[in-house]
Amino acid sequence: MDLILLFHAFIMGLVEGITEFLPISSTGHLILTGHLLGFLDKDKRDVFEIFIQLGAMLAVMWEYRQRLVYAITHAREPGPGRQLLINIAVAAVPAMALAKLFGTEIKAVLFNPVTVAIAFIVGGIIILWAEKRQQVVRIHSVDDMRWPDALKVGLAQCLALIPGTSRSGSTIVGGMLFGISRTVATEFSFLLGIPVLGTASLYSIYKHWHLLSTDDLAIFAVGFIASFIFALIAVRALLRFLANHTFVAFAWYRIAFGVVVLLTAYSGLVNWVD
């Protein structure tokens, strides 16, 4: 067993877990980390990166297990449980539909260093603007959301199809602009990740199953477990952080990372489209 390869899988899982639910784009960070580590070949690394998203998704399911169990067991009766499931379903549809219809074309056209860097930088600027503007909050609890509110967040999530935008960033900032409190937008973004990440991961594994072998089990398991643990830590830490802080620090980080993308791409240090 290659211990170095297992350690690299752990690092990739750590990066996925920490960045998936923060508004900083996990994709960009995984590309950079995978390149620096020389982790696997491109096709297998793509499957690995999708697979470990399941670990991050399960971390959210574990963190919100009581709310999810309540929603599922009360789905047949009117109330917050059924409404939450409706909201998640409504919000998930737009991005999933666009990804199914145009995902390959979007990746072929937009997955390049300049687009990724611009998405990082523009996203950071938008977060700064969203935090600076006077926010009129209409919704102070996830239970107060209705399907039109969820649909707006779902439409904002479509922007995440642009590499470097960040699914969490687009849904959280979109929610804030639509009158949802910062904390509620963040929690709904977490919950919305369950069907989106779950569907994408399972479909990718099914589609690329032929690339995997029993020798990959340990590598994938280490990445999955690391992703679960660090996503759970990140989710809890972010909610505590938002009790007294804004997303301004993440905005400046995005801008700085966008500059890093440009510098590493044009210097040849990282092949962002290998």
Foldseek 3Di string as FASTA:
>chain_A
DDVLLLVLLLVLLLLLLQPQLAQFASLVVSQVSCLVSVHDDDLVSVLLNLQLLVLLLVLLCVVCVVLQVVLVVCCVDDALSVQLVLLLVLLLPPQVVCCVVCLVVLCVPQQALLQLLVLLQVLLVLQVVLVPDDFAADAAALSPDGNVLSNQLSVQLNVPSRHNNHSNSSSQSSSRNVRHDNLRSSSSSSVSSNVNSVVSSVVSCVVPVVVDDPVCVSSSVSSNNSSNVSNNVNSVVVSVCVVPDGCNVVSVVSNVVSVVSVVCCVVVVGRSSD
